[in-house]
Amino acid sequence: MDLRQEFEARVKKLEDFVEDKGLGSKQLKKAKKVQRNMNAVVLLGSLITLAGVTIWMLNRD
């Protein structure tokens, strides 16, 4: 492992530690949870819309 990769690995470890234990870690976890839930809602809404448009197109005479 060269020096650059070792340095990047150490920086990543430090970033992960700060993310888990640092200031704002609770807010970050909440924000990630909210973002995940919003992504699921958008995906579900898109699928329902697509299904509705498809049904409408098929039944249109």
PDB file of N, CA and C in Angstrom:
ATOM      1  N   MET A   1       0.853  -1.174   0.000  1.00  0.00           N
ATOM      2  CA  MET A   1       0.000   0.000   0.000  1.00  0.00           C
ATOM      3  C   MET A   1       0.897   1.234   0.000  1.00  0.00           C
ATOM      4  N   ASP A   2       0.650   2.110  -0.938  1.00  0.00           N
ATOM      5  CA  ASP A   2       1.489   3.291  -0.980  1.00  0.00           C
ATOM      6  C   ASP A   2       1.034   4.339   0.035  1.00  0.00           C
ATOM      7  N   LEU A   3       1.804   5.368   0.167  1.00  0.00           N
ATOM      8  CA  LEU A   3       1.586   6.396   1.182  1.00  0.00           C
ATOM      9  C   LEU A   3       0.241   7.102   0.990  1.00  0.00           C
ATOM     10  N   ARG A   4      -0.112   7.367  -0.243  1.00  0.00           N
ATOM     11  CA  ARG A   4      -1.373   8.069  -0.515  1.00  0.00           C
ATOM     12  C   ARG A   4      -2.578   7.242  -0.070  1.00  0.00           C
ATOM     13  N   GLN A   5      -2.582   5.971  -0.391  1.00  0.00           N
ATOM     14  CA  GLN A   5      -3.691   5.102  -0.003  1.00  0.00           C
ATOM     15  C   GLN A   5      -3.778   4.979   1.510  1.00  0.00           C
ATOM     16  N   GLU A   6      -2.635   4.882   2.168  1.00  0.00           N
ATOM     17  CA  GLU A   6      -2.623   4.790   3.623  1.00  0.00           C
ATOM     18  C   GLU A   6      -3.170   6.075   4.243  1.00  0.00           C
ATOM     19  N   PHE A   7      -2.769   7.208   3.704  1.00  0.00           N
ATOM     20  CA  PHE A   7      -3.264   8.500   4.188  1.00  0.00           C
ATOM     21  C   PHE A   7      -4.778   8.611   3.993  1.00  0.00           C
ATOM     22  N   GLU A   8      -5.270   8.223   2.816  1.00  0.00           N
ATOM     23  CA  GLU A   8      -6.704   8.268   2.539  1.00  0.00           C
ATOM     24  C   GLU A   8      -7.477   7.350   3.472  1.00  0.00           C
ATOM     25  N   ALA A   9      -6.926   6.190   3.768  1.00  0.00           N
ATOM     26  CA  ALA A   9      -7.582   5.258   4.685  1.00  0.00           C
ATOM     27  C   ALA A   9      -7.677   5.841   6.089  1.00  0.00           C
ATOM     28  N   ARG A  10      -6.600   6.487   6.534  1.00  0.00           N
ATOM     29  CA  ARG A  10      -6.619   7.106   7.867  1.00  0.00           C
ATOM     30  C   ARG A  10      -7.605   8.266   7.934  1.00  0.00           C
ATOM     31  N   VAL A  11      -7.650   9.070   6.871  1.00  0.00           N
ATOM     32  CA  VAL A  11      -8.599  10.183   6.830  1.00  0.00           C
ATOM     33  C   VAL A  11     -10.028   9.642   6.841  1.00  0.00           C
ATOM     34  N   LYS A  12     -10.274   8.582   6.101  1.00  0.00           N
ATOM     35  CA  LYS A  12     -11.611   7.976   6.071  1.00  0.00           C
ATOM     36  C   LYS A  12     -11.996   7.462   7.456  1.00  0.00           C
ATOM     37  N   LYS A  13     -11.059   6.824   8.159  1.00  0.00           N
ATOM     38  CA  LYS A  13     -11.316   6.351   9.520  1.00  0.00           C
ATOM     39  C   LYS A  13     -11.691   7.507  10.428  1.00  0.00           C
ATOM     40  N   LEU A  14     -10.951   8.597  10.323  1.00  0.00           N
ATOM     41  CA  LEU A  14     -11.208   9.778  11.138  1.00  0.00           C
ATOM     42  C   LEU A  14     -12.572  10.380  10.802  1.00  0.00           C
ATOM     43  N   GLU A  15     -12.907  10.458   9.531  1.00  0.00           N
ATOM     44  CA  GLU A  15     -14.208  10.988   9.122  1.00  0.00           C
ATOM     45  C   GLU A  15     -15.340  10.113   9.656  1.00  0.00           C
ATOM     46  N   ASP A  16     -15.169   8.809   9.585  1.00  0.00           N
ATOM     47  CA  ASP A  16     -16.186   7.895  10.103  1.00  0.00           C
ATOM     48  C   ASP A  16     -16.354   8.061  11.610  1.00  0.00           C
ATOM     49  N   PHE A  17     -15.243   8.233  12.321  1.00  0.00           N
ATOM     50  CA  PHE A  17     -15.306   8.431  13.764  1.00  0.00           C
ATOM     51  C   PHE A  17     -16.065   9.717  14.100  1.00  0.00           C
ATOM     52  N   VAL A  18     -15.734  10.795  13.401  1.00  0.00           N
ATOM     53  CA  VAL A  18     -16.408  12.074  13.652  1.00  0.00           C
ATOM     54  C   VAL A  18     -17.890  11.965  13.306  1.00  0.00           C
ATOM     55  N   GLU A  19     -18.198  11.243  12.234  1.00  0.00           N
ATOM     56  CA  GLU A  19     -19.594  11.059  11.840  1.00  0.00           C
ATOM     57  C   GLU A  19     -20.376  10.316  12.912  1.00  0.00           C
ATOM     58  N   ASP A  20     -19.745   9.319  13.529  1.00  0.00           N
ATOM     59  CA  ASP A  20     -20.427   8.513  14.552  1.00  0.00           C
ATOM     60  C   ASP A  20     -20.458   9.182  15.916  1.00  0.00           C
ATOM     61  N   LYS A  21     -19.399   9.889  16.296  1.00  0.00           N
ATOM     62  CA  LYS A  21     -19.277  10.396  17.656  1.00  0.00           C
ATOM     63  C   LYS A  21     -19.211  11.916  17.761  1.00  0.00           C
ATOM     64  N   GLY A  22     -19.036  12.591  16.655  1.00  0.00           N
ATOM     65  CA  GLY A  22     -18.783  14.032  16.688  1.00  0.00           C
ATOM     66  C   GLY A  22     -20.032  14.871  16.870  1.00  0.00           C
ATOM     67  N   LEU A  23     -19.811  16.179  16.854  1.00  0.00           N
ATOM     68  CA  LEU A  23     -20.911  17.121  16.967  1.00  0.00           C
ATOM     69  C   LEU A  23     -21.855  16.949  15.782  1.00  0.00           C
ATOM     70  N   GLY A  24     -23.131  16.898  16.060  1.00  0.00           N
ATOM     71  CA  GLY A  24     -24.123  16.783  15.001  1.00  0.00           C
ATOM     72  C   GLY A  24     -24.346  15.378  14.495  1.00  0.00           C
ATOM     73  N   SER A  25     -23.762  14.383  15.145  1.00  0.00           N
ATOM     74  CA  SER A  25     -23.920  13.016  14.644  1.00  0.00           C
ATOM     75  C   SER A  25     -25.367  12.547  14.738  1.00  0.00           C
ATOM     76  N   LYS A  26     -26.061  12.973  15.801  1.00  0.00           N
ATOM     77  CA  LYS A  26     -27.473  12.575  15.936  1.00  0.00           C
ATOM     78  C   LYS A  26     -28.312  13.206  14.832  1.00  0.00           C
ATOM     79  N   GLN A  27     -28.041  14.481  14.548  1.00  0.00           N
ATOM     80  CA  GLN A  27     -28.785  15.162  13.496  1.00  0.00           C
ATOM     81  C   GLN A  27     -28.484  14.544  12.133  1.00  0.00           C
ATOM     82  N   LEU A  28     -27.238  14.152  11.921  1.00  0.00           N
ATOM     83  CA  LEU A  28     -26.866  13.523  10.660  1.00  0.00           C
ATOM     84  C   LEU A  28     -27.598  12.204  10.477  1.00  0.00           C
ATOM     85  N   LYS A  29     -27.683  11.413  11.540  1.00  0.00           N
ATOM     86  CA  LYS A  29     -28.402  10.138  11.459  1.00  0.00           C
ATOM     87  C   LYS A  29     -29.880  10.369  11.165  1.00  0.00           C
ATOM     88  N   LYS A  30     -30.466  11.386  11.812  1.00  0.00           N
ATOM     89  CA  LYS A  30     -31.874  11.706  11.559  1.00  0.00           C
ATOM     90  C   LYS A  30     -32.066  12.156  10.113  1.00  0.00           C
ATOM     91  N   ALA A  31     -31.155  12.978   9.626  1.00  0.00           N
ATOM     92  CA  ALA A  31     -31.262  13.476   8.250  1.00  0.00           C
ATOM     93  C   ALA A  31     -31.152  12.327   7.246  1.00  0.00           C
ATOM     94  N   LYS A  32     -30.258  11.389   7.507  1.00  0.00           N
ATOM     95  CA  LYS A  32     -30.125  10.232   6.615  1.00  0.00           C
ATOM     96  C   LYS A  32     -31.398   9.400   6.612  1.00  0.00           C
ATOM     97  N   LYS A  33     -32.001   9.237   7.786  1.00  0.00           N
ATOM     98  CA  LYS A  33     -33.246   8.465   7.895  1.00  0.00           C
ATOM     99  C   LYS A  33     -34.370   9.161   7.141  1.00  0.00           C
ATOM    100  N   VAL A  34     -34.482  10.476   7.310  1.00  0.00           N
ATOM    101  CA  VAL A  34     -35.512  11.243   6.608  1.00  0.00           C
ATOM    102  C   VAL A  34     -35.290  11.161   5.103  1.00  0.00           C
ATOM    103  N   GLN A  35     -34.038  11.277   4.661  1.00  0.00           N
ATOM    104  CA  GLN A  35     -33.737  11.208   3.236  1.00  0.00           C
ATOM    105  C   GLN A  35     -34.099   9.841   2.670  1.00  0.00           C
ATOM    106  N   ARG A  36     -33.794   8.780   3.400  1.00  0.00           N
ATOM    107  CA  ARG A  36     -34.132   7.426   2.950  1.00  0.00           C
ATOM    108  C   ARG A  36     -35.643   7.280   2.821  1.00  0.00           C
ATOM    109  N   ASN A  37     -36.391   7.789   3.810  1.00  0.00           N
ATOM    110  CA  ASN A  37     -37.848   7.697   3.769  1.00  0.00           C
ATOM    111  C   ASN A  37     -38.423   8.507   2.611  1.00  0.00           C
ATOM    112  N   MET A  38     -37.871   9.688   2.385  1.00  0.00           N
ATOM    113  CA  MET A  38     -38.355  10.514   1.276  1.00  0.00           C
ATOM    114  C   MET A  38     -38.068   9.848  -0.071  1.00  0.00           C
ATOM    115  N   ASN A  39     -36.912   9.224  -0.191  1.00  0.00           N
ATOM    116  CA  ASN A  39     -36.593   8.507  -1.435  1.00  0.00           C
ATOM    117  C   ASN A  39     -37.594   7.382  -1.669  1.00  0.00           C
ATOM    118  N   ALA A  40     -37.965   6.673  -0.611  1.00  0.00           N
ATOM    119  CA  ALA A  40     -38.934   5.590  -0.735  1.00  0.00           C
ATOM    120  C   ALA A  40     -40.304   6.136  -1.146  1.00  0.00           C
ATOM    121  N   VAL A  41     -40.704   7.257  -0.575  1.00  0.00           N
ATOM    122  CA  VAL A  41     -41.995   7.866  -0.915  1.00  0.00           C
ATOM    123  C   VAL A  41     -42.010   8.314  -2.369  1.00  0.00           C
ATOM    124  N   VAL A  42     -40.929   8.940  -2.818  1.00  0.00           N
ATOM    125  CA  VAL A  42     -40.856   9.402  -4.213  1.00  0.00           C
ATOM    126  C   VAL A  42     -40.889   8.212  -5.164  1.00  0.00           C
ATOM    127  N   LEU A  43     -40.161   7.164  -4.844  1.00  0.00           N
ATOM    128  CA  LEU A  43     -40.155   5.969  -5.696  1.00  0.00           C
ATOM    129  C   LEU A  43     -41.543   5.349  -5.764  1.00  0.00           C
ATOM    130  N   LEU A  44     -42.190   5.202  -4.624  1.00  0.00           N
ATOM    131  CA  LEU A  44     -43.525   4.615  -4.590  1.00  0.00           C
ATOM    132  C   LEU A  44     -44.512   5.488  -5.358  1.00  0.00           C
ATOM    133  N   GLY A  45     -44.450   6.787  -5.161  1.00  0.00           N
ATOM    134  CA  GLY A  45     -45.330   7.690  -5.894  1.00  0.00           C
ATOM    135  C   GLY A  45     -45.111   7.617  -7.389  1.00  0.00           C
ATOM    136  N   SER A  46     -43.867   7.508  -7.796  1.00  0.00           N
ATOM    137  CA  SER A  46     -43.551   7.401  -9.228  1.00  0.00           C
ATOM    138  C   SER A  46     -44.109   6.113  -9.816  1.00  0.00           C
ATOM    139  N   LEU A  47     -43.974   5.015  -9.075  1.00  0.00           N
ATOM    140  CA  LEU A  47     -44.500   3.738  -9.562  1.00  0.00           C
ATOM    141  C   LEU A  47     -46.015   3.771  -9.675  1.00  0.00           C
ATOM    142  N   ILE A  48     -46.680   4.366  -8.691  1.00  0.00           N
ATOM    143  CA  ILE A  48     -48.142   4.465  -8.734  1.00  0.00           C
ATOM    144  C   ILE A  48     -48.585   5.340  -9.901  1.00  0.00           C
ATOM    145  N   THR A  49     -47.889   6.450 -10.108  1.00  0.00           N
ATOM    146  CA  THR A  49     -48.215   7.330 -11.230  1.00  0.00           C
ATOM    147  C   THR A  49     -48.012   6.627 -12.560  1.00  0.00           C
ATOM    148  N   LEU A  50     -46.899   5.938 -12.682  1.00  0.00           N
ATOM    149  CA  LEU A  50     -46.619   5.206 -13.922  1.00  0.00           C
ATOM    150  C   LEU A  50     -47.679   4.136 -14.166  1.00  0.00           C
ATOM    151  N   ALA A  51     -48.074   3.422 -13.138  1.00  0.00           N
ATOM    152  CA  ALA A  51     -49.111   2.401 -13.281  1.00  0.00           C
ATOM    153  C   ALA A  51     -50.443   3.047 -13.682  1.00  0.00           C
ATOM    154  N   GLY A  52     -50.779   4.170 -13.067  1.00  0.00           N
ATOM    155  CA  GLY A  52     -52.018   4.855 -13.406  1.00  0.00           C
ATOM    156  C   GLY A  52     -52.041   5.341 -14.835  1.00  0.00           C
ATOM    157  N   VAL A  53     -50.950   5.920 -15.296  1.00  0.00           N
ATOM    158  CA  VAL A  53     -50.866   6.394 -16.685  1.00  0.00           C
ATOM    159  C   VAL A  53     -50.954   5.217 -17.645  1.00  0.00           C
ATOM    160  N   THR A  54     -50.300   4.116 -17.306  1.00  0.00           N
ATOM    161  CA  THR A  54     -50.344   2.923 -18.165  1.00  0.00           C
ATOM    162  C   THR A  54     -51.763   2.385 -18.258  1.00  0.00           C
ATOM    163  N   ILE A  55     -52.442   2.279 -17.150  1.00  0.00           N
ATOM    164  CA  ILE A  55     -53.835   1.787 -17.154  1.00  0.00           C
ATOM    165  C   ILE A  55     -54.719   2.736 -17.945  1.00  0.00           C
ATOM    166  N   TRP A  56     -54.515   4.039 -17.748  1.00  0.00           N
ATOM    167  CA  TRP A  56     -55.315   5.030 -18.475  1.00  0.00           C
ATOM    168  C   TRP A  56     -55.088   4.899 -19.983  1.00  0.00           C
ATOM    169  N   MET A  57     -53.835   4.721 -20.384  1.00  0.00           N
ATOM    170  CA  MET A  57     -53.515   4.601 -21.810  1.00  0.00           C
ATOM    171  C   MET A  57     -54.123   3.334 -22.420  1.00  0.00           C
ATOM    172  N   LEU A  58     -54.096   2.250 -21.647  1.00  0.00           N
ATOM    173  CA  LEU A  58     -54.623   0.995 -22.164  1.00  0.00           C
ATOM    174  C   LEU A  58     -56.154   1.025 -22.274  1.00  0.00           C
ATOM    175  N   ASN A  59     -56.828   1.727 -21.373  1.00  0.00           N
ATOM    176  CA  ASN A  59     -58.291   1.760 -21.351  1.00  0.00           C
ATOM    177  C   ASN A  59     -58.872   2.904 -22.162  1.00  0.00           C
ATOM    178  N   ARG A  60     -58.035   3.744 -22.710  1.00  0.00           N
ATOM    179  CA  ARG A  60     -58.508   4.879 -23.507  1.00  0.00           C
ATOM    180  C   ARG A  60     -58.938   4.386 -24.871  1.00  0.00           C
ATOM    181  N   ASP A  61     -60.128   4.705 -25.242  1.00  0.00           N
ATOM    182  CA  ASP A  61     -60.624   4.256 -26.568  1.00  0.00           C
ATOM    183  C   ASP A  61     -60.976   5.382 -27.457  1.00  0.00           C
TER     184      ASP A  61
END
